[in-house]
Amino acid sequence: SLKDYVKVKTQDQEIITYQRITYLEEKLPDDKFLRI
């Protein structure tokens, strides 16, 4: 989370998008991702 933005990190790239981390948390499968 970067306030009103999020950084999505993969092994090969970094994507910064205008979005709240809580919204992504709701969309991602909770058996594959974990809020730490």
PDB file of all heavy atoms in Angstrom:
ATOM      1  N   SER A   1       0.828  -1.200   0.000  1.00  0.00           N
ATOM      2  CA  SER A   1       0.000   0.000   0.000  1.00  0.00           C
ATOM      3  C   SER A   1       0.864   1.251   0.000  1.00  0.00           C
ATOM      4  O   SER A   1       1.819   1.365   0.759  1.00  0.00           O
ATOM      5  CB  SER A   1      -0.908   0.004   1.234  1.00  0.00           C
ATOM      6  OG  SER A   1      -1.600   1.225   1.347  1.00  0.00           O
ATOM      7  N   LEU A   2       0.501   2.187  -0.871  1.00  0.00           N
ATOM      8  CA  LEU A   2       1.150   3.497  -0.918  1.00  0.00           C
ATOM      9  C   LEU A   2       0.065   4.560  -0.800  1.00  0.00           C
ATOM     10  O   LEU A   2      -0.181   5.337  -1.712  1.00  0.00           O
ATOM     11  CB  LEU A   2       1.926   3.659  -2.229  1.00  0.00           C
ATOM     12  CG  LEU A   2       2.955   2.568  -2.564  1.00  0.00           C
ATOM     13  CD1 LEU A   2       3.482   2.747  -3.979  1.00  0.00           C
ATOM     14  CD2 LEU A   2       4.091   2.590  -1.564  1.00  0.00           C
ATOM     15  N   LYS A   3      -0.661   4.535   0.310  1.00  0.00           N
ATOM     16  CA  LYS A   3      -1.817   5.401   0.559  1.00  0.00           C
ATOM     17  C   LYS A   3      -2.925   5.105  -0.453  1.00  0.00           C
ATOM     18  O   LYS A   3      -3.540   4.062  -0.394  1.00  0.00           O
ATOM     19  CB  LYS A   3      -1.412   6.866   0.569  1.00  0.00           C
ATOM     20  CG  LYS A   3      -0.511   7.229   1.746  1.00  0.00           C
ATOM     21  CD  LYS A   3      -0.264   8.724   1.817  1.00  0.00           C
ATOM     22  CE  LYS A   3       0.592   9.069   3.032  1.00  0.00           C
ATOM     23  NZ  LYS A   3       0.862  10.520   3.136  1.00  0.00           N
ATOM     24  N   ASP A   4      -3.159   6.002  -1.413  1.00  0.00           N
ATOM     25  CA  ASP A   4      -4.235   5.786  -2.383  1.00  0.00           C
ATOM     26  C   ASP A   4      -3.789   4.951  -3.572  1.00  0.00           C
ATOM     27  O   ASP A   4      -4.569   4.719  -4.503  1.00  0.00           O
ATOM     28  CB  ASP A   4      -4.775   7.124  -2.891  1.00  0.00           C
ATOM     29  CG  ASP A   4      -5.533   7.874  -1.804  1.00  0.00           C
ATOM     30  OD1 ASP A   4      -6.073   7.215  -0.908  1.00  0.00           O
ATOM     31  OD2 ASP A   4      -5.564   9.113  -1.864  1.00  0.00           O
ATOM     32  N   TYR A   5      -2.551   4.511  -3.560  1.00  0.00           N
ATOM     33  CA  TYR A   5      -2.014   3.669  -4.628  1.00  0.00           C
ATOM     34  C   TYR A   5      -1.544   2.345  -4.033  1.00  0.00           C
ATOM     35  O   TYR A   5      -1.389   2.213  -2.815  1.00  0.00           O
ATOM     36  CB  TYR A   5      -0.837   4.358  -5.323  1.00  0.00           C
ATOM     37  CG  TYR A   5      -1.220   5.576  -6.128  1.00  0.00           C
ATOM     38  CD1 TYR A   5      -1.438   6.801  -5.504  1.00  0.00           C
ATOM     39  CD2 TYR A   5      -1.369   5.495  -7.515  1.00  0.00           C
ATOM     40  CE1 TYR A   5      -1.795   7.925  -6.242  1.00  0.00           C
ATOM     41  CE2 TYR A   5      -1.729   6.614  -8.252  1.00  0.00           C
ATOM     42  CZ  TYR A   5      -1.946   7.823  -7.623  1.00  0.00           C
ATOM     43  OH  TYR A   5      -2.309   8.920  -8.344  1.00  0.00           O
ATOM     44  N   VAL A   6      -1.328   1.375  -4.892  1.00  0.00           N
ATOM     45  CA  VAL A   6      -0.674   0.142  -4.467  1.00  0.00           C
ATOM     46  C   VAL A   6       0.443  -0.193  -5.450  1.00  0.00           C
ATOM     47  O   VAL A   6       0.363   0.142  -6.635  1.00  0.00           O
ATOM     48  CB  VAL A   6      -1.641  -1.061  -4.361  1.00  0.00           C
ATOM     49  CG1 VAL A   6      -2.664  -0.857  -3.264  1.00  0.00           C
ATOM     50  CG2 VAL A   6      -2.322  -1.350  -5.697  1.00  0.00           C
ATOM     51  N   LYS A   7       1.460  -0.840  -4.929  1.00  0.00           N
ATOM     52  CA  LYS A   7       2.532  -1.378  -5.761  1.00  0.00           C
ATOM     53  C   LYS A   7       2.363  -2.887  -5.805  1.00  0.00           C
ATOM     54  O   LYS A   7       2.355  -3.548  -4.765  1.00  0.00           O
ATOM     55  CB  LYS A   7       3.900  -1.010  -5.184  1.00  0.00           C
ATOM     56  CG  LYS A   7       5.078  -1.606  -5.960  1.00  0.00           C
ATOM     57  CD  LYS A   7       6.401  -1.045  -5.481  1.00  0.00           C
ATOM     58  CE  LYS A   7       6.755  -1.478  -4.082  1.00  0.00           C
ATOM     59  NZ  LYS A   7       8.069  -0.974  -3.640  1.00  0.00           N
ATOM     60  N   VAL A   8       2.211  -3.431  -7.000  1.00  0.00           N
ATOM     61  CA  VAL A   8       2.099  -4.869  -7.184  1.00  0.00           C
ATOM     62  C   VAL A   8       3.442  -5.371  -7.700  1.00  0.00           C
ATOM     63  O   VAL A   8       3.894  -4.979  -8.787  1.00  0.00           O
ATOM     64  CB  VAL A   8       0.970  -5.223  -8.167  1.00  0.00           C
ATOM     65  CG1 VAL A   8       0.913  -6.738  -8.383  1.00  0.00           C
ATOM     66  CG2 VAL A   8      -0.364  -4.716  -7.637  1.00  0.00           C
ATOM     67  N   LYS A   9       4.068  -6.213  -6.910  1.00  0.00           N
ATOM     68  CA  LYS A   9       5.419  -6.681  -7.226  1.00  0.00           C
ATOM     69  C   LYS A   9       5.384  -8.125  -7.695  1.00  0.00           C
ATOM     70  O   LYS A   9       4.864  -9.008  -7.011  1.00  0.00           O
ATOM     71  CB  LYS A   9       6.303  -6.561  -5.979  1.00  0.00           C
ATOM     72  CG  LYS A   9       7.782  -6.792  -6.236  1.00  0.00           C
ATOM     73  CD  LYS A   9       8.412  -5.628  -6.937  1.00  0.00           C
ATOM     74  CE  LYS A   9       9.913  -5.792  -7.063  1.00  0.00           C
ATOM     75  NZ  LYS A   9      10.553  -4.672  -7.790  1.00  0.00           N
ATOM     76  N   THR A  10       5.909  -8.359  -8.879  1.00  0.00           N
ATOM     77  CA  THR A  10       6.140  -9.716  -9.355  1.00  0.00           C
ATOM     78  C   THR A  10       7.649  -9.926  -9.409  1.00  0.00           C
ATOM     79  O   THR A  10       8.429  -9.013  -9.123  1.00  0.00           O
ATOM     80  CB  THR A  10       5.528  -9.943 -10.752  1.00  0.00           C
ATOM     81  OG1 THR A  10       6.317  -9.252 -11.723  1.00  0.00           O
ATOM     82  CG2 THR A  10       4.081  -9.458 -10.808  1.00  0.00           C
ATOM     83  N   GLN A  11       8.067 -11.109  -9.782  1.00  0.00           N
ATOM     84  CA  GLN A  11       9.502 -11.371  -9.853  1.00  0.00           C
ATOM     85  C   GLN A  11      10.164 -10.527 -10.940  1.00  0.00           C
ATOM     86  O   GLN A  11      11.345 -10.200 -10.856  1.00  0.00           O
ATOM     87  CB  GLN A  11       9.747 -12.862 -10.128  1.00  0.00           C
ATOM     88  CG  GLN A  11      11.096 -13.373  -9.633  1.00  0.00           C
ATOM     89  CD  GLN A  11      11.198 -13.383  -8.108  1.00  0.00           C
ATOM     90  OE1 GLN A  11      10.282 -13.811  -7.424  1.00  0.00           O
ATOM     91  NE2 GLN A  11      12.339 -12.927  -7.581  1.00  0.00           N
ATOM     92  N   ASP A  12       9.373 -10.130 -11.944  1.00  0.00           N
ATOM     93  CA  ASP A  12       9.954  -9.462 -13.117  1.00  0.00           C
ATOM     94  C   ASP A  12       9.567  -7.997 -13.278  1.00  0.00           C
ATOM     95  O   ASP A  12      10.194  -7.278 -14.060  1.00  0.00           O
ATOM     96  CB  ASP A  12       9.551 -10.210 -14.394  1.00  0.00           C
ATOM     97  CG  ASP A  12       9.974 -11.664 -14.374  1.00  0.00           C
ATOM     98  OD1 ASP A  12      11.111 -11.934 -13.932  1.00  0.00           O
ATOM     99  OD2 ASP A  12       9.176 -12.522 -14.790  1.00  0.00           O
ATOM    100  N   GLN A  13       8.527  -7.554 -12.599  1.00  0.00           N
ATOM    101  CA  GLN A  13       8.090  -6.184 -12.818  1.00  0.00           C
ATOM    102  C   GLN A  13       7.438  -5.591 -11.573  1.00  0.00           C
ATOM    103  O   GLN A  13       7.106  -6.308 -10.630  1.00  0.00           O
ATOM    104  CB  GLN A  13       7.109  -6.106 -13.999  1.00  0.00           C
ATOM    105  CG  GLN A  13       5.819  -6.873 -13.770  1.00  0.00           C
ATOM    106  CD  GLN A  13       4.860  -6.742 -14.945  1.00  0.00           C
ATOM    107  OE1 GLN A  13       4.834  -5.729 -15.641  1.00  0.00           O
ATOM    108  NE2 GLN A  13       4.046  -7.774 -15.183  1.00  0.00           N
ATOM    109  N   GLU A  14       7.260  -4.283 -11.606  1.00  0.00           N
ATOM    110  CA  GLU A  14       6.639  -3.545 -10.518  1.00  0.00           C
ATOM    111  C   GLU A  14       5.588  -2.625 -11.134  1.00  0.00           C
ATOM    112  O   GLU A  14       5.894  -1.829 -12.012  1.00  0.00           O
ATOM    113  CB  GLU A  14       7.699  -2.739  -9.779  1.00  0.00           C
ATOM    114  CG  GLU A  14       7.189  -1.901  -8.646  1.00  0.00           C
ATOM    115  CD  GLU A  14       8.322  -1.156  -7.946  1.00  0.00           C
ATOM    116  OE1 GLU A  14       9.155  -1.825  -7.306  1.00  0.00           O
ATOM    117  OE2 GLU A  14       8.378   0.076  -8.077  1.00  0.00           O
ATOM    118  N   ILE A  15       4.347  -2.755 -10.684  1.00  0.00           N
ATOM    119  CA  ILE A  15       3.239  -1.984 -11.243  1.00  0.00           C
ATOM    120  C   ILE A  15       2.646  -1.130 -10.138  1.00  0.00           C
ATOM    121  O   ILE A  15       2.272  -1.649  -9.077  1.00  0.00           O
ATOM    122  CB  ILE A  15       2.160  -2.913 -11.833  1.00  0.00           C
ATOM    123  CG1 ILE A  15       2.761  -3.785 -12.928  1.00  0.00           C
ATOM    124  CG2 ILE A  15       0.975  -2.099 -12.371  1.00  0.00           C
ATOM    125  CD1 ILE A  15       1.909  -4.968 -13.270  1.00  0.00           C
ATOM    126  N   ILE A  16       2.539   0.161 -10.381  1.00  0.00           N
ATOM    127  CA  ILE A  16       1.906   1.071  -9.425  1.00  0.00           C
ATOM    128  C   ILE A  16       0.588   1.531 -10.021  1.00  0.00           C
ATOM    129  O   ILE A  16       0.543   2.047 -11.140  1.00  0.00           O
ATOM    130  CB  ILE A  16       2.817   2.264  -9.112  1.00  0.00           C
ATOM    131  CG1 ILE A  16       4.090   1.770  -8.411  1.00  0.00           C
ATOM    132  CG2 ILE A  16       2.084   3.277  -8.225  1.00  0.00           C
ATOM    133  CD1 ILE A  16       5.096   2.861  -8.099  1.00  0.00           C
ATOM    134  N   THR A  17      -0.500   1.325  -9.287  1.00  0.00           N
ATOM    135  CA  THR A  17      -1.829   1.616  -9.797  1.00  0.00           C
ATOM    136  C   THR A  17      -2.657   2.342  -8.743  1.00  0.00           C
ATOM    137  O   THR A  17      -2.454   2.149  -7.534  1.00  0.00           O
ATOM    138  CB  THR A  17      -2.541   0.309 -10.234  1.00  0.00           C
ATOM    139  OG1 THR A  17      -3.809   0.609 -10.822  1.00  0.00           O
ATOM    140  CG2 THR A  17      -2.758  -0.613  -9.054  1.00  0.00           C
ATOM    141  N   TYR A  18      -3.576   3.171  -9.205  1.00  0.00           N
ATOM    142  CA  TYR A  18      -4.442   3.923  -8.289  1.00  0.00           C
ATOM    143  C   TYR A  18      -5.521   2.993  -7.758  1.00  0.00           C
ATOM    144  O   TYR A  18      -6.500   2.693  -8.438  1.00  0.00           O
ATOM    145  CB  TYR A  18      -5.068   5.110  -9.028  1.00  0.00           C
ATOM    146  CG  TYR A  18      -5.945   5.986  -8.146  1.00  0.00           C
ATOM    147  CD1 TYR A  18      -5.381   6.833  -7.199  1.00  0.00           C
ATOM    148  CD2 TYR A  18      -7.323   5.945  -8.266  1.00  0.00           C
ATOM    149  CE1 TYR A  18      -6.173   7.630  -6.393  1.00  0.00           C
ATOM    150  CE2 TYR A  18      -8.131   6.744  -7.455  1.00  0.00           C
ATOM    151  CZ  TYR A  18      -7.554   7.580  -6.529  1.00  0.00           C
ATOM    152  OH  TYR A  18      -8.348   8.362  -5.728  1.00  0.00           O
ATOM    153  N   GLN A  19      -5.320   2.511  -6.535  1.00  0.00           N
ATOM    154  CA  GLN A  19      -6.250   1.564  -5.943  1.00  0.00           C
ATOM    155  C   GLN A  19      -5.941   1.415  -4.459  1.00  0.00           C
ATOM    156  O   GLN A  19      -4.794   1.600  -4.038  1.00  0.00           O
ATOM    157  CB  GLN A  19      -6.137   0.205  -6.642  1.00  0.00           C
ATOM    158  CG  GLN A  19      -7.267  -0.755  -6.363  1.00  0.00           C
ATOM    159  CD  GLN A  19      -8.602  -0.183  -6.765  1.00  0.00           C
ATOM    160  OE1 GLN A  19      -9.368   0.250  -5.912  1.00  0.00           O
ATOM    161  NE2 GLN A  19      -8.889  -0.142  -8.060  1.00  0.00           N
ATOM    162  N   ARG A  20      -6.948   1.101  -3.663  1.00  0.00           N
ATOM    163  CA  ARG A  20      -6.738   0.848  -2.238  1.00  0.00           C
ATOM    164  C   ARG A  20      -6.405  -0.622  -2.008  1.00  0.00           C
ATOM    165  O   ARG A  20      -6.983  -1.500  -2.652  1.00  0.00           O
ATOM    166  CB  ARG A  20      -7.988   1.228  -1.436  1.00  0.00           C
ATOM    167  CG  ARG A  20      -8.285   2.729  -1.409  1.00  0.00           C
ATOM    168  CD  ARG A  20      -7.203   3.492  -0.661  1.00  0.00           C
ATOM    169  NE  ARG A  20      -7.536   4.895  -0.493  1.00  0.00           N
ATOM    170  CZ  ARG A  20      -8.080   5.404   0.616  1.00  0.00           C
ATOM    171  NH1 ARG A  20      -8.349   4.617   1.648  1.00  0.00           N
ATOM    172  NH2 ARG A  20      -8.339   6.696   0.689  1.00  0.00           N
ATOM    173  N   ILE A  21      -5.530  -0.895  -1.065  1.00  0.00           N
ATOM    174  CA  ILE A  21      -5.130  -2.269  -0.796  1.00  0.00           C
ATOM    175  C   ILE A  21      -6.297  -3.102  -0.266  1.00  0.00           C
ATOM    176  O   ILE A  21      -6.389  -4.298  -0.523  1.00  0.00           O
ATOM    177  CB  ILE A  21      -3.918  -2.318   0.173  1.00  0.00           C
ATOM    178  CG1 ILE A  21      -3.295  -3.713   0.154  1.00  0.00           C
ATOM    179  CG2 ILE A  21      -4.321  -1.880   1.583  1.00  0.00           C
ATOM    180  CD1 ILE A  21      -1.967  -3.792   0.906  1.00  0.00           C
ATOM    181  N   THR A  22      -7.223  -2.458   0.441  1.00  0.00           N
ATOM    182  CA  THR A  22      -8.379  -3.202   0.968  1.00  0.00           C
ATOM    183  C   THR A  22      -9.266  -3.723  -0.159  1.00  0.00           C
ATOM    184  O   THR A  22      -9.853  -4.796  -0.042  1.00  0.00           O
ATOM    185  CB  THR A  22      -9.206  -2.307   1.904  1.00  0.00           C
ATOM    186  OG1 THR A  22      -9.492  -1.066   1.254  1.00  0.00           O
ATOM    187  CG2 THR A  22      -8.457  -2.038   3.192  1.00  0.00           C
ATOM    188  N   TYR A  23      -9.348  -2.962  -1.250  1.00  0.00           N
ATOM    189  CA  TYR A  23     -10.153  -3.423  -2.382  1.00  0.00           C
ATOM    190  C   TYR A  23      -9.526  -4.649  -3.021  1.00  0.00           C
ATOM    191  O   TYR A  23     -10.210  -5.629  -3.329  1.00  0.00           O
ATOM    192  CB  TYR A  23     -10.288  -2.301  -3.412  1.00  0.00           C
ATOM    193  CG  TYR A  23     -11.157  -2.671  -4.591  1.00  0.00           C
ATOM    194  CD1 TYR A  23     -12.539  -2.617  -4.497  1.00  0.00           C
ATOM    195  CD2 TYR A  23     -10.596  -3.078  -5.791  1.00  0.00           C
ATOM    196  CE1 TYR A  23     -13.340  -2.967  -5.566  1.00  0.00           C
ATOM    197  CE2 TYR A  23     -11.389  -3.429  -6.862  1.00  0.00           C
ATOM    198  CZ  TYR A  23     -12.760  -3.370  -6.752  1.00  0.00           C
ATOM    199  OH  TYR A  23     -13.537  -3.729  -7.815  1.00  0.00           O
ATOM    200  N   LEU A  24      -8.201  -4.616  -3.201  1.00  0.00           N
ATOM    201  CA  LEU A  24      -7.518  -5.779  -3.754  1.00  0.00           C
ATOM    202  C   LEU A  24      -7.629  -6.983  -2.821  1.00  0.00           C
ATOM    203  O   LEU A  24      -7.790  -8.111  -3.272  1.00  0.00           O
ATOM    204  CB  LEU A  24      -6.051  -5.455  -3.998  1.00  0.00           C
ATOM    205  CG  LEU A  24      -5.707  -4.745  -5.312  1.00  0.00           C
ATOM    206  CD1 LEU A  24      -4.211  -4.490  -5.372  1.00  0.00           C
ATOM    207  CD2 LEU A  24      -6.158  -5.534  -6.500  1.00  0.00           C
ATOM    208  N   GLU A  25      -7.541  -6.730  -1.537  1.00  0.00           N
ATOM    209  CA  GLU A  25      -7.651  -7.822  -0.568  1.00  0.00           C
ATOM    210  C   GLU A  25      -8.974  -8.551  -0.706  1.00  0.00           C
ATOM    211  O   GLU A  25      -9.038  -9.784  -0.625  1.00  0.00           O
ATOM    212  CB  GLU A  25      -7.505  -7.278   0.850  1.00  0.00           C
ATOM    213  CG  GLU A  25      -7.529  -8.354   1.924  1.00  0.00           C
ATOM    214  CD  GLU A  25      -7.433  -7.782   3.330  1.00  0.00           C
ATOM    215  OE1 GLU A  25      -7.677  -6.563   3.500  1.00  0.00           O
ATOM    216  OE2 GLU A  25      -7.119  -8.540   4.263  1.00  0.00           O
ATOM    217  N   GLU A  26     -10.046  -7.812  -0.954  1.00  0.00           N
ATOM    218  CA  GLU A  26     -11.363  -8.415  -1.118  1.00  0.00           C
ATOM    219  C   GLU A  26     -11.457  -9.243  -2.396  1.00  0.00           C
ATOM    220  O   GLU A  26     -12.189 -10.234  -2.450  1.00  0.00           O
ATOM    221  CB  GLU A  26     -12.437  -7.331  -1.137  1.00  0.00           C
ATOM    222  CG  GLU A  26     -12.622  -6.622   0.189  1.00  0.00           C
ATOM    223  CD  GLU A  26     -13.560  -5.436   0.072  1.00  0.00           C
ATOM    224  OE1 GLU A  26     -14.014  -5.155  -1.062  1.00  0.00           O
ATOM    225  OE2 GLU A  26     -13.828  -4.787   1.098  1.00  0.00           O
ATOM    226  N   LYS A  27     -10.724  -8.843  -3.428  1.00  0.00           N
ATOM    227  CA  LYS A  27     -10.817  -9.509  -4.717  1.00  0.00           C
ATOM    228  C   LYS A  27      -9.919 -10.737  -4.835  1.00  0.00           C
ATOM    229  O   LYS A  27     -10.228 -11.671  -5.563  1.00  0.00           O
ATOM    230  CB  LYS A  27     -10.463  -8.522  -5.844  1.00  0.00           C
ATOM    231  CG  LYS A  27     -11.445  -7.368  -5.987  1.00  0.00           C
ATOM    232  CD  LYS A  27     -12.828  -7.859  -6.351  1.00  0.00           C
ATOM    233  CE  LYS A  27     -13.821  -6.732  -6.490  1.00  0.00           C
ATOM    234  NZ  LYS A  27     -15.189  -7.218  -6.765  1.00  0.00           N
ATOM    235  N   LEU A  28      -8.811 -10.742  -4.127  1.00  0.00           N
ATOM    236  CA  LEU A  28      -7.869 -11.851  -4.230  1.00  0.00           C
ATOM    237  C   LEU A  28      -8.345 -13.061  -3.429  1.00  0.00           C
ATOM    238  O   LEU A  28      -8.948 -12.907  -2.363  1.00  0.00           O
ATOM    239  CB  LEU A  28      -6.497 -11.415  -3.726  1.00  0.00           C
ATOM    240  CG  LEU A  28      -5.779 -10.349  -4.565  1.00  0.00           C
ATOM    241  CD1 LEU A  28      -4.545  -9.847  -3.825  1.00  0.00           C
ATOM    242  CD2 LEU A  28      -5.411 -10.885  -5.932  1.00  0.00           C
ATOM    243  N   PRO A  29      -8.082 -14.276  -3.914  1.00  0.00           N
ATOM    244  CA  PRO A  29      -8.496 -15.490  -3.184  1.00  0.00           C
ATOM    245  C   PRO A  29      -7.743 -15.629  -1.869  1.00  0.00           C
ATOM    246  O   PRO A  29      -6.508 -15.578  -1.853  1.00  0.00           O
ATOM    247  CB  PRO A  29      -8.165 -16.628  -4.148  1.00  0.00           C
ATOM    248  CG  PRO A  29      -7.111 -16.062  -5.055  1.00  0.00           C
ATOM    249  CD  PRO A  29      -7.408 -14.599  -5.192  1.00  0.00           C
ATOM    250  N   ASP A  30      -8.486 -15.778  -0.763  1.00  0.00           N
ATOM    251  CA  ASP A  30      -7.830 -15.781   0.546  1.00  0.00           C
ATOM    252  C   ASP A  30      -7.080 -17.077   0.841  1.00  0.00           C
ATOM    253  O   ASP A  30      -6.361 -17.154   1.837  1.00  0.00           O
ATOM    254  CB  ASP A  30      -8.832 -15.475   1.665  1.00  0.00           C
ATOM    255  CG  ASP A  30     -10.017 -16.419   1.666  1.00  0.00           C
ATOM    256  OD1 ASP A  30      -9.963 -17.462   0.991  1.00  0.00           O
ATOM    257  OD2 ASP A  30     -11.006 -16.114   2.355  1.00  0.00           O
ATOM    258  N   ASP A  31      -7.233 -18.097  -0.021  1.00  0.00           N
ATOM    259  CA  ASP A  31      -6.423 -19.298   0.166  1.00  0.00           C
ATOM    260  C   ASP A  31      -5.101 -19.213  -0.600  1.00  0.00           C
ATOM    261  O   ASP A  31      -4.277 -20.128  -0.522  1.00  0.00           O
ATOM    262  CB  ASP A  31      -7.193 -20.549  -0.264  1.00  0.00           C
ATOM    263  CG  ASP A  31      -7.557 -20.534  -1.743  1.00  0.00           C
ATOM    264  OD1 ASP A  31      -7.708 -19.426  -2.310  1.00  0.00           O
ATOM    265  OD2 ASP A  31      -7.708 -21.614  -2.336  1.00  0.00           O
ATOM    266  N   LYS A  32      -4.895 -18.113  -1.311  1.00  0.00           N
ATOM    267  CA  LYS A  32      -3.657 -17.923  -2.075  1.00  0.00           C
ATOM    268  C   LYS A  32      -2.858 -16.709  -1.605  1.00  0.00           C
ATOM    269  O   LYS A  32      -1.648 -16.648  -1.835  1.00  0.00           O
ATOM    270  CB  LYS A  32      -3.976 -17.740  -3.563  1.00  0.00           C
ATOM    271  CG  LYS A  32      -4.820 -18.839  -4.178  1.00  0.00           C
ATOM    272  CD  LYS A  32      -4.085 -20.157  -4.247  1.00  0.00           C
ATOM    273  CE  LYS A  32      -4.940 -21.204  -4.936  1.00  0.00           C
ATOM    274  NZ  LYS A  32      -4.268 -22.534  -4.952  1.00  0.00           N
ATOM    275  N   PHE A  33      -3.529 -15.749  -0.954  1.00  0.00           N
ATOM    276  CA  PHE A  33      -2.882 -14.521  -0.523  1.00  0.00           C
ATOM    277  C   PHE A  33      -3.207 -14.244   0.935  1.00  0.00           C
ATOM    278  O   PHE A  33      -4.259 -14.641   1.435  1.00  0.00           O
ATOM    279  CB  PHE A  33      -3.316 -13.343  -1.398  1.00  0.00           C
ATOM    280  CG  PHE A  33      -2.844 -13.446  -2.822  1.00  0.00           C
ATOM    281  CD1 PHE A  33      -3.609 -14.107  -3.775  1.00  0.00           C
ATOM    282  CD2 PHE A  33      -1.631 -12.897  -3.203  1.00  0.00           C
ATOM    283  CE1 PHE A  33      -3.170 -14.218  -5.089  1.00  0.00           C
ATOM    284  CE2 PHE A  33      -1.186 -13.006  -4.507  1.00  0.00           C
ATOM    285  CZ  PHE A  33      -1.957 -13.662  -5.456  1.00  0.00           C
ATOM    286  N   LEU A  34      -2.301 -13.525   1.607  1.00  0.00           N
ATOM    287  CA  LEU A  34      -2.450 -13.281   3.044  1.00  0.00           C
ATOM    288  C   LEU A  34      -2.052 -11.842   3.367  1.00  0.00           C
ATOM    289  O   LEU A  34      -0.972 -11.380   2.981  1.00  0.00           O
ATOM    290  CB  LEU A  34      -1.573 -14.254   3.829  1.00  0.00           C
ATOM    291  CG  LEU A  34      -1.550 -14.110   5.347  1.00  0.00           C
ATOM    292  CD1 LEU A  34      -2.929 -14.413   5.932  1.00  0.00           C
ATOM    293  CD2 LEU A  34      -0.504 -15.049   5.950  1.00  0.00           C
ATOM    294  N   ARG A  35      -2.922 -11.149   4.080  1.00  0.00           N
ATOM    295  CA  ARG A  35      -2.596  -9.809   4.576  1.00  0.00           C
ATOM    296  C   ARG A  35      -1.748  -9.975   5.833  1.00  0.00           C
ATOM    297  O   ARG A  35      -2.177 -10.564   6.829  1.00  0.00           O
ATOM    298  CB  ARG A  35      -3.891  -9.057   4.892  1.00  0.00           C
ATOM    299  CG  ARG A  35      -3.707  -7.600   5.350  1.00  0.00           C
ATOM    300  CD  ARG A  35      -3.534  -6.674   4.181  1.00  0.00           C
ATOM    301  NE  ARG A  35      -3.497  -5.260   4.558  1.00  0.00           N
ATOM    302  CZ  ARG A  35      -4.546  -4.439   4.550  1.00  0.00           C
ATOM    303  NH1 ARG A  35      -5.744  -4.885   4.186  1.00  0.00           N
ATOM    304  NH2 ARG A  35      -4.408  -3.170   4.868  1.00  0.00           N
ATOM    305  N   ILE A  36      -0.523  -9.448   5.811  1.00  0.00           N
ATOM    306  CA  ILE A  36       0.378  -9.617   6.957  1.00  0.00           C
ATOM    307  C   ILE A  36       0.642  -8.296   7.679  1.00  0.00           C
ATOM    308  O   ILE A  36       1.277  -8.288   8.745  1.00  0.00           O
ATOM    309  CB  ILE A  36       1.721 -10.237   6.526  1.00  0.00           C
ATOM    310  CG1 ILE A  36       2.472  -9.286   5.575  1.00  0.00           C
ATOM    311  CG2 ILE A  36       1.518 -11.600   5.881  1.00  0.00           C
ATOM    312  CD1 ILE A  36       3.932  -9.667   5.344  1.00  0.00           C
TER     313      ILE A  36
END
